[in-house]
């Protein structure tokens, strides 16, 4: 498959970005994905209104806040992107509920989970790297046909 064809496929997929706290990672993800894949349908699900607002300002097409937003969004998404904590109950200082973690984990969507060594969840073998490096790695993975 040619790169241009892959972009068309990504742009027709439903991408769910889940973030917590201040939504900084989600904001960077939305902005970078929007720049690389301008026609992609991006839904932002924040665990709180600040995270949701920041992702919406970055260019998400749709946004919602709270547990049910993550649960419903996980059912409808083709790709779910966020820090690894979105799949671990009670992580991210308690902002990820068991229902959120289960919804992400049980979703049929492809999951691109970003390793963040925080809140007593350490990904062994993964070095702490910059946020911009992690965001670029997500973009590169989206460019890769194996996401499809």
C-alpha atoms as a PDB file:
ATOM      1  CA  UNK A   1       0.000   0.000   0.000  1.00  0.00           C
ATOM      2  CA  UNK A   2       1.362   3.406  -0.979  1.00  0.00           C
ATOM      3  CA  UNK A   3       1.782   6.121   1.706  1.00  0.00           C
ATOM      4  CA  UNK A   4      -0.911   8.313   0.150  1.00  0.00           C
ATOM      5  CA  UNK A   5      -3.403   5.414   0.269  1.00  0.00           C
ATOM      6  CA  UNK A   6      -2.592   4.841   3.957  1.00  0.00           C
ATOM      7  CA  UNK A   7      -3.310   8.516   4.721  1.00  0.00           C
ATOM      8  CA  UNK A   8      -6.729   8.207   3.093  1.00  0.00           C
ATOM      9  CA  UNK A   9      -7.505   5.169   5.253  1.00  0.00           C
ATOM     10  CA  UNK A  10      -6.330   6.904   8.463  1.00  0.00           C
ATOM     11  CA  UNK A  11      -8.367   9.965   7.549  1.00  0.00           C
ATOM     12  CA  UNK A  12     -11.500   7.831   7.266  1.00  0.00           C
ATOM     13  CA  UNK A  13     -10.976   6.243  10.692  1.00  0.00           C
ATOM     14  CA  UNK A  14     -12.417   7.374  13.995  1.00  0.00           C
ATOM     15  CA  UNK A  15      -9.615   8.305  16.381  1.00  0.00           C
ATOM     16  CA  UNK A  16     -10.302   8.608  20.105  1.00  0.00           C
ATOM     17  CA  UNK A  17      -7.754  10.459  22.225  1.00  0.00           C
ATOM     18  CA  UNK A  18      -8.117   9.986  25.975  1.00  0.00           C
ATOM     19  CA  UNK A  19      -6.269  12.143  28.482  1.00  0.00           C
ATOM     20  CA  UNK A  20      -6.460  13.281  32.086  1.00  0.00           C
ATOM     21  CA  UNK A  21      -4.947  15.939  34.345  1.00  0.00           C
ATOM     22  CA  UNK A  22      -4.414  19.103  32.266  1.00  0.00           C
ATOM     23  CA  UNK A  23      -4.733  17.404  28.887  1.00  0.00           C
ATOM     24  CA  UNK A  24      -1.252  18.437  27.770  1.00  0.00           C
ATOM     25  CA  UNK A  25      -0.413  15.159  26.092  1.00  0.00           C
ATOM     26  CA  UNK A  26      -3.844  14.993  24.480  1.00  0.00           C
ATOM     27  CA  UNK A  27      -3.485  18.550  23.213  1.00  0.00           C
ATOM     28  CA  UNK A  28      -0.161  17.719  21.555  1.00  0.00           C
ATOM     29  CA  UNK A  29      -1.565  14.518  20.078  1.00  0.00           C
ATOM     30  CA  UNK A  30      -4.636  16.246  18.635  1.00  0.00           C
ATOM     31  CA  UNK A  31      -2.564  19.062  17.125  1.00  0.00           C
ATOM     32  CA  UNK A  32      -0.012  16.701  15.584  1.00  0.00           C
ATOM     33  CA  UNK A  33      -2.585  14.272  14.201  1.00  0.00           C
ATOM     34  CA  UNK A  34      -4.664  17.159  12.842  1.00  0.00           C
ATOM     35  CA  UNK A  35      -1.582  18.561  11.087  1.00  0.00           C
ATOM     36  CA  UNK A  36      -0.550  15.209   9.586  1.00  0.00           C
ATOM     37  CA  UNK A  37      -4.046  13.913   8.799  1.00  0.00           C
ATOM     38  CA  UNK A  38      -6.255  17.008   8.360  1.00  0.00           C
ATOM     39  CA  UNK A  39      -9.412  15.061   7.515  1.00  0.00           C
ATOM     40  CA  UNK A  40      -9.167  12.502  10.326  1.00  0.00           C
ATOM     41  CA  UNK A  41     -12.159  12.367  12.658  1.00  0.00           C
ATOM     42  CA  UNK A  42     -10.752  13.045  16.123  1.00  0.00           C
ATOM     43  CA  UNK A  43     -12.786  12.694  19.281  1.00  0.00           C
ATOM     44  CA  UNK A  44     -11.302  13.882  22.561  1.00  0.00           C
ATOM     45  CA  UNK A  45     -12.406  12.262  25.808  1.00  0.00           C
ATOM     46  CA  UNK A  46     -11.068  13.968  28.883  1.00  0.00           C
ATOM     47  CA  UNK A  47     -11.390  12.712  32.411  1.00  0.00           C
ATOM     48  CA  UNK A  48     -12.000  16.316  33.443  1.00  0.00           C
ATOM     49  CA  UNK A  49     -13.153  19.519  31.755  1.00  0.00           C
ATOM     50  CA  UNK A  50      -9.663  21.069  31.580  1.00  0.00           C
ATOM     51  CA  UNK A  51      -8.249  18.086  29.672  1.00  0.00           C
ATOM     52  CA  UNK A  52     -11.256  18.054  27.345  1.00  0.00           C
ATOM     53  CA  UNK A  53     -11.092  21.803  26.730  1.00  0.00           C
ATOM     54  CA  UNK A  54      -7.390  21.715  25.858  1.00  0.00           C
ATOM     55  CA  UNK A  55      -7.889  18.908  23.353  1.00  0.00           C
ATOM     56  CA  UNK A  56     -10.858  20.683  21.793  1.00  0.00           C
ATOM     57  CA  UNK A  57      -8.821  23.891  21.432  1.00  0.00           C
ATOM     58  CA  UNK A  58      -6.107  21.866  19.665  1.00  0.00           C
ATOM     59  CA  UNK A  59      -8.539  20.860  16.935  1.00  0.00           C
ATOM     60  CA  UNK A  60     -10.578  17.828  17.990  1.00  0.00           C
ATOM     61  CA  UNK A  61     -13.796  17.441  16.014  1.00  0.00           C
ATOM     62  CA  UNK A  62     -15.790  16.232  19.007  1.00  0.00           C
ATOM     63  CA  UNK A  63     -15.177  16.297  22.724  1.00  0.00           C
ATOM     64  CA  UNK A  64     -16.797  14.977  25.866  1.00  0.00           C
ATOM     65  CA  UNK A  65     -15.850  14.656  29.509  1.00  0.00           C
ATOM     66  CA  UNK A  66     -16.024  11.880  32.053  1.00  0.00           C
ATOM     67  CA  UNK A  67     -16.411   8.162  32.429  1.00  0.00           C
ATOM     68  CA  UNK A  68     -19.272   7.673  29.995  1.00  0.00           C
ATOM     69  CA  UNK A  69     -17.449   9.683  27.317  1.00  0.00           C
ATOM     70  CA  UNK A  70     -14.542   7.230  27.481  1.00  0.00           C
ATOM     71  CA  UNK A  71     -16.840   4.188  27.578  1.00  0.00           C
ATOM     72  CA  UNK A  72     -18.945   5.271  24.589  1.00  0.00           C
ATOM     73  CA  UNK A  73     -15.967   6.618  22.666  1.00  0.00           C
ATOM     74  CA  UNK A  74     -14.090   3.341  23.119  1.00  0.00           C
ATOM     75  CA  UNK A  75     -16.993   1.438  21.553  1.00  0.00           C
ATOM     76  CA  UNK A  76     -17.077   3.676  18.487  1.00  0.00           C
ATOM     77  CA  UNK A  77     -13.350   4.218  17.853  1.00  0.00           C
ATOM     78  CA  UNK A  78     -11.130   2.530  15.288  1.00  0.00           C
ATOM     79  CA  UNK A  79      -7.991   3.744  17.087  1.00  0.00           C
ATOM     80  CA  UNK A  80      -7.578   4.759  20.746  1.00  0.00           C
ATOM     81  CA  UNK A  81      -4.568   6.871  21.697  1.00  0.00           C
ATOM     82  CA  UNK A  82      -3.412   7.998  25.113  1.00  0.00           C
ATOM     83  CA  UNK A  83      -1.019   7.372  27.971  1.00  0.00           C
ATOM     84  CA  UNK A  84      -0.781   3.754  29.106  1.00  0.00           C
ATOM     85  CA  UNK A  85      -2.642   4.709  32.272  1.00  0.00           C
ATOM     86  CA  UNK A  86      -5.930   4.881  30.368  1.00  0.00           C
ATOM     87  CA  UNK A  87      -5.945   1.079  30.454  1.00  0.00           C
ATOM     88  CA  UNK A  88      -5.098   0.810  34.189  1.00  0.00           C
ATOM     89  CA  UNK A  89      -7.874   1.296  36.732  1.00  0.00           C
ATOM     90  CA  UNK A  90      -7.279   4.018  39.320  1.00  0.00           C
ATOM     91  CA  UNK A  91      -4.230   5.354  37.503  1.00  0.00           C
ATOM     92  CA  UNK A  92      -3.468   8.972  36.671  1.00  0.00           C
ATOM     93  CA  UNK A  93      -4.056  10.013  40.277  1.00  0.00           C
ATOM     94  CA  UNK A  94      -7.372   8.196  40.356  1.00  0.00           C
ATOM     95  CA  UNK A  95      -8.864   9.874  37.290  1.00  0.00           C
ATOM     96  CA  UNK A  96      -9.144   6.589  35.374  1.00  0.00           C
ATOM     97  CA  UNK A  97     -12.059   4.613  36.763  1.00  0.00           C
ATOM     98  CA  UNK A  98     -12.289   0.829  36.489  1.00  0.00           C
ATOM     99  CA  UNK A  99     -15.054   1.258  33.887  1.00  0.00           C
ATOM    100  CA  UNK A 100     -12.842   3.525  31.768  1.00  0.00           C
ATOM    101  CA  UNK A 101      -9.912   1.114  31.903  1.00  0.00           C
ATOM    102  CA  UNK A 102     -12.155  -1.835  31.057  1.00  0.00           C
ATOM    103  CA  UNK A 103     -13.745   0.029  28.138  1.00  0.00           C
ATOM    104  CA  UNK A 104     -10.353   0.874  26.655  1.00  0.00           C
ATOM    105  CA  UNK A 105      -8.968  -2.602  27.256  1.00  0.00           C
ATOM    106  CA  UNK A 106     -12.012  -4.430  25.885  1.00  0.00           C
ATOM    107  CA  UNK A 107     -12.456  -2.205  22.850  1.00  0.00           C
ATOM    108  CA  UNK A 108     -11.860  -3.760  19.432  1.00  0.00           C
ATOM    109  CA  UNK A 109     -10.014  -0.569  18.464  1.00  0.00           C
ATOM    110  CA  UNK A 110      -6.290  -0.567  17.823  1.00  0.00           C
ATOM    111  CA  UNK A 111      -4.653   0.980  20.895  1.00  0.00           C
ATOM    112  CA  UNK A 112      -1.603   3.209  20.744  1.00  0.00           C
ATOM    113  CA  UNK A 113      -0.565   3.528  24.383  1.00  0.00           C
ATOM    114  CA  UNK A 114       2.182   5.933  25.311  1.00  0.00           C
ATOM    115  CA  UNK A 115       4.482   4.786  28.123  1.00  0.00           C
ATOM    116  CA  UNK A 116       4.455   7.227  31.002  1.00  0.00           C
ATOM    117  CA  UNK A 117       6.272   6.081  34.115  1.00  0.00           C
ATOM    118  CA  UNK A 118       4.026   7.774  36.671  1.00  0.00           C
ATOM    119  CA  UNK A 119       1.658   6.874  39.488  1.00  0.00           C
ATOM    120  CA  UNK A 120       3.514   3.675  40.423  1.00  0.00           C
ATOM    121  CA  UNK A 121       3.062   2.263  36.912  1.00  0.00           C
ATOM    122  CA  UNK A 122       6.517   1.690  35.484  1.00  0.00           C
ATOM    123  CA  UNK A 123       7.018   0.245  32.024  1.00  0.00           C
ATOM    124  CA  UNK A 124      10.210  -1.766  32.423  1.00  0.00           C
ATOM    125  CA  UNK A 125      12.692  -1.335  29.597  1.00  0.00           C
ATOM    126  CA  UNK A 126      11.276   2.001  28.453  1.00  0.00           C
ATOM    127  CA  UNK A 127      13.389   5.057  29.081  1.00  0.00           C
ATOM    128  CA  UNK A 128      11.851   8.375  29.968  1.00  0.00           C
ATOM    129  CA  UNK A 129      11.835  10.444  26.806  1.00  0.00           C
ATOM    130  CA  UNK A 130      10.413  13.787  25.838  1.00  0.00           C
ATOM    131  CA  UNK A 131       6.737  14.261  25.154  1.00  0.00           C
ATOM    132  CA  UNK A 132       7.507  15.524  21.648  1.00  0.00           C
ATOM    133  CA  UNK A 133       9.408  12.309  20.908  1.00  0.00           C
ATOM    134  CA  UNK A 134       6.446  10.219  22.076  1.00  0.00           C
ATOM    135  CA  UNK A 135       3.980  12.249  20.012  1.00  0.00           C
ATOM    136  CA  UNK A 136       6.171  11.870  16.928  1.00  0.00           C
ATOM    137  CA  UNK A 137       6.338   8.117  17.573  1.00  0.00           C
ATOM    138  CA  UNK A 138       2.512   8.012  17.537  1.00  0.00           C
ATOM    139  CA  UNK A 139       2.432   9.904  14.229  1.00  0.00           C
ATOM    140  CA  UNK A 140       4.993   7.493  12.786  1.00  0.00           C
ATOM    141  CA  UNK A 141       2.910   4.528  13.949  1.00  0.00           C
ATOM    142  CA  UNK A 142      -0.179   6.032  12.310  1.00  0.00           C
ATOM    143  CA  UNK A 143       1.785   6.358   9.079  1.00  0.00           C
ATOM    144  CA  UNK A 144       2.673   2.666   9.361  1.00  0.00           C
ATOM    145  CA  UNK A 145       0.247   0.405   7.570  1.00  0.00           C
ATOM    146  CA  UNK A 146       0.204  -2.054  10.486  1.00  0.00           C
ATOM    147  CA  UNK A 147      -2.155   0.293  12.368  1.00  0.00           C
ATOM    148  CA  UNK A 148      -4.811  -0.513   9.796  1.00  0.00           C
END
